[in-house]
C-alpha atoms as a PDB file:
ATOM      1  CA  MET A   1     -13.580 -19.350  -7.383  1.00  0.00           C
ATOM      2  CA  THR A   2     -14.345 -15.427  -7.038  1.00  0.00           C
ATOM      3  CA  LEU A   3     -17.082 -14.098  -8.558  1.00  0.00           C
ATOM      4  CA  THR A   4     -17.653 -10.494  -8.935  1.00  0.00           C
ATOM      5  CA  VAL A   5     -21.638  -9.118  -8.501  1.00  0.00           C
ATOM      6  CA  LYS A   6     -22.609  -5.104  -8.651  1.00  0.00           C
ATOM      7  CA  ASP A   7     -25.987  -5.881 -10.715  1.00  0.00           C
ATOM      8  CA  ASN A   8     -29.542  -5.415  -7.965  1.00  0.00           C
ATOM      9  CA  LYS A   9     -31.108  -8.216  -9.383  1.00  0.00           C
ATOM     10  CA  THR A  10     -28.908 -10.982  -7.632  1.00  0.00           C
ATOM     11  CA  PRO A  11     -31.079 -13.792  -6.555  1.00  0.00           C
ATOM     12  CA  ILE A  12     -29.484 -13.446  -3.049  1.00  0.00           C
ATOM     13  CA  VAL A  13     -31.148 -11.598  -0.199  1.00  0.00           C
ATOM     14  CA  VAL A  14     -28.338 -10.722   2.677  1.00  0.00           C
ATOM     15  CA  PRO A  15     -30.522  -9.135   5.545  1.00  0.00           C
ATOM     16  CA  PRO A  16     -30.055  -5.645   5.349  1.00  0.00           C
ATOM     17  CA  ALA A  17     -28.746  -5.968   9.433  1.00  0.00           C
ATOM     18  CA  VAL A  18     -26.037  -7.816   8.034  1.00  0.00           C
ATOM     19  CA  ARG A  19     -26.047  -5.492   5.421  1.00  0.00           C
ATOM     20  CA  ARG A  20     -25.487  -2.892   7.989  1.00  0.00           C
ATOM     21  CA  LYS A  21     -22.902  -4.720   9.822  1.00  0.00           C
ATOM     22  CA  ALA A  22     -20.222  -5.105   6.598  1.00  0.00           C
ATOM     23  CA  GLY A  23     -20.540  -1.962   5.852  1.00  0.00           C
ATOM     24  CA  PHE A  24     -22.205  -2.699   2.285  1.00  0.00           C
ATOM     25  CA  LYS A  25     -23.438   0.070   0.672  1.00  0.00           C
ATOM     26  CA  ARG A  26     -26.289   0.230  -2.160  1.00  0.00           C
ATOM     27  CA  GLY A  27     -24.460  -0.427  -5.897  1.00  0.00           C
ATOM     28  CA  GLN A  28     -21.381  -1.397  -4.335  1.00  0.00           C
ATOM     29  CA  GLU A  29     -19.574  -3.727  -5.920  1.00  0.00           C
ATOM     30  CA  ILE A  30     -18.711  -7.297  -3.788  1.00  0.00           C
ATOM     31  CA  GLU A  31     -16.939 -10.318  -4.163  1.00  0.00           C
ATOM     32  CA  PHE A  32     -18.586 -14.277  -3.788  1.00  0.00           C
ATOM     33  CA  LYS A  33     -15.421 -16.537  -2.973  1.00  0.00           C
ATOM     34  CA  ALA A  34     -16.534 -20.574  -2.403  1.00  0.00           C
ATOM     35  CA  SER A  35     -14.043 -22.862  -0.776  1.00  0.00           C
ATOM     36  CA  GLY A  36     -14.058 -25.766   1.199  1.00  0.00           C
ATOM     37  CA  GLY A  37     -17.725 -25.387   1.447  1.00  0.00           C
ATOM     38  CA  VAL A  38     -17.132 -21.852   2.403  1.00  0.00           C
ATOM     39  CA  ILE A  39     -19.394 -18.651   0.753  1.00  0.00           C
ATOM     40  CA  ALA A  40     -18.073 -15.643   1.908  1.00  0.00           C
ATOM     41  CA  ILE A  41     -19.076 -11.934   0.777  1.00  0.00           C
ATOM     42  CA  VAL A  42     -16.223  -9.210   0.675  1.00  0.00           C
ATOM     43  CA  SER A  43     -16.449  -5.382  -1.338  1.00  0.00           C
ATOM     44  CA  LYS A  44     -14.287  -5.580  -4.047  1.00  0.00           C
ATOM     45  CA  LEU A  45     -10.810  -3.382  -3.651  1.00  0.00           C
ATOM     46  CA  PRO A  46     -10.234  -1.106  -6.595  1.00  0.00           C
ATOM     47  CA  ASN A  47      -7.925  -1.962  -9.386  1.00  0.00           C
ATOM     48  CA  ALA A  48      -5.284   0.563  -8.802  1.00  0.00           C
ATOM     49  CA  ASP A  49      -4.424   1.248 -12.217  1.00  0.00           C
ATOM     50  CA  ASP A  50      -8.065   2.247 -12.521  1.00  0.00           C
ATOM     51  CA  GLU A  51      -7.622   5.035  -9.484  1.00  0.00           C
ATOM     52  CA  TYR A  52      -4.484   7.325 -11.363  1.00  0.00           C
ATOM     53  CA  THR A  53      -4.416   8.537 -15.164  1.00  0.00           C
ATOM     54  CA  PRO A  54      -2.716   7.980 -17.370  1.00  0.00           C
ATOM     55  CA  ALA A  55       0.147  10.579 -16.151  1.00  0.00           C
ATOM     56  CA  GLN A  56       0.039   9.780 -12.766  1.00  0.00           C
ATOM     57  CA  ARG A  57       0.781   6.197 -13.229  1.00  0.00           C
ATOM     58  CA  ARG A  58       4.036   7.577 -15.826  1.00  0.00           C
ATOM     59  CA  ALA A  59       5.068   9.777 -12.712  1.00  0.00           C
ATOM     60  CA  ILE A  60       4.828   6.701  -9.969  1.00  0.00           C
ATOM     61  CA  ASP A  61       6.355   3.743 -11.757  1.00  0.00           C
ATOM     62  CA  ALA A  62       9.142   6.516 -12.571  1.00  0.00           C
ATOM     63  CA  ARG A  63       9.575   7.273  -9.193  1.00  0.00           C
ATOM     64  CA  LEU A  64       8.938   2.946  -7.732  1.00  0.00           C
ATOM     65  CA  ALA A  65      11.927   2.304 -10.765  1.00  0.00           C
ATOM     66  CA  LYS A  66      14.007   5.631  -8.745  1.00  0.00           C
ATOM     67  CA  ALA A  67      13.770   3.529  -5.926  1.00  0.00           C
ATOM     68  CA  ASP A  68      14.256   0.091  -7.642  1.00  0.00           C
ATOM     69  CA  ALA A  69      17.494   1.863  -8.794  1.00  0.00           C
ATOM     70  CA  ASP A  70      18.199   2.856  -4.823  1.00  0.00           C
ATOM     71  CA  VAL A  71      18.005  -0.802  -3.729  1.00  0.00           C
ATOM     72  CA  LYS A  72      20.206  -2.442  -6.606  1.00  0.00           C
ATOM     73  CA  ALA A  73      22.657  -0.022  -5.703  1.00  0.00           C
ATOM     74  CA  GLY A  74      23.029  -0.356  -1.856  1.00  0.00           C
ATOM     75  CA  ARG A  75      21.763   3.203  -0.953  1.00  0.00           C
ATOM     76  CA  VAL A  76      19.539   1.558   1.799  1.00  0.00           C
ATOM     77  CA  TYR A  77      18.908   1.702   5.350  1.00  0.00           C
ATOM     78  CA  GLY A  78      18.132  -1.955   7.512  1.00  0.00           C
ATOM     79  CA  PRO A  79      16.512  -4.100   7.503  1.00  0.00           C
ATOM     80  CA  PHE A  80      16.054  -3.749  10.971  1.00  0.00           C
ATOM     81  CA  THR A  81      15.220  -5.246  14.264  1.00  0.00           C
ATOM     82  CA  SER A  82      14.389  -3.842  16.200  1.00  0.00           C
ATOM     83  CA  ALA A  83      12.734  -0.070  16.690  1.00  0.00           C
ATOM     84  CA  LYS A  84      15.309   0.313  18.573  1.00  0.00           C
ATOM     85  CA  GLU A  85      17.919  -0.508  16.214  1.00  0.00           C
ATOM     86  CA  MET A  86      17.212   1.401  13.625  1.00  0.00           C
ATOM     87  CA  ALA A  87      16.936   4.588  16.034  1.00  0.00           C
ATOM     88  CA  ALA A  88      19.767   4.217  16.736  1.00  0.00           C
ATOM     89  CA  SER A  89      20.927   3.657  13.131  1.00  0.00           C
ATOM     90  CA  VAL A  90      19.348   7.066  11.990  1.00  0.00           C
ATOM     91  CA  GLU A  91      20.961   8.468  14.788  1.00  0.00           C
ATOM     92  CA  SER A  92      24.463   7.638  13.899  1.00  0.00           C
ATOM     93  CA  ASN A  93      23.714   9.409  10.043  1.00  0.00           C
ATOM     94  CA  ILE A  94      22.658  12.392  11.479  1.00  0.00           C
ATOM     95  CA  ARG A  95      26.142  13.008  12.908  1.00  0.00           C
ATOM     96  CA  ARG A  96      27.541  11.332   9.826  1.00  0.00           C
ATOM     97  CA  VAL A  97      26.075  14.068   8.140  1.00  0.00           C
ATOM     98  CA  ARG A  98      26.583  16.694  10.667  1.00  0.00           C
ATOM     99  CA  ALA A  99      30.168  16.274  11.104  1.00  0.00           C
ATOM    100  CA  ALA A 100      30.983  16.186   6.854  1.00  0.00           C
ATOM    101  CA  LYS A 101      28.644  19.558   7.249  1.00  0.00           C
ATOM    102  CA  ARG A 102      31.390  21.278   9.642  1.00  0.00           C
ATOM    103  CA  LYS A 103      34.475  19.778   7.541  1.00  0.00           C
ATOM    104  CA  ALA A 104      32.701  21.537   4.413  1.00  0.00           C
ATOM    105  CA  LYS A 105      32.137  25.258   6.200  1.00  0.00           C
ATOM    106  CA  PRO A 106      34.420  27.493   4.586  1.00  0.00           C
ATOM    107  CA  ALA A 107      36.999  29.338   7.722  1.00  0.00           C
ATOM    108  CA  ARG A 108      35.857  33.430   7.663  1.00  0.00           C
END
């Protein structure tokens, strides 16, 4: 069960030192999560839908759709098991692009 509270008249008192240590600010929305005999009080994360204007959300959705199309078409690299493997892939792609540029240069 999760409950969100923003009301300052909540009948639970959390000592100021505990609130400071947790980083809670006055008027901040918090969530109460109860499970297995434990109550956890956490700050409520912002909803991504509230964070962007409708125009910004459309632009983000369009970019995500393009990224999905790239993945489906196989225009991605990896997954890599190490940073060394990823670096080798990047260097290989750089060499391939440079070779293609050399071939594309017109003769003088």
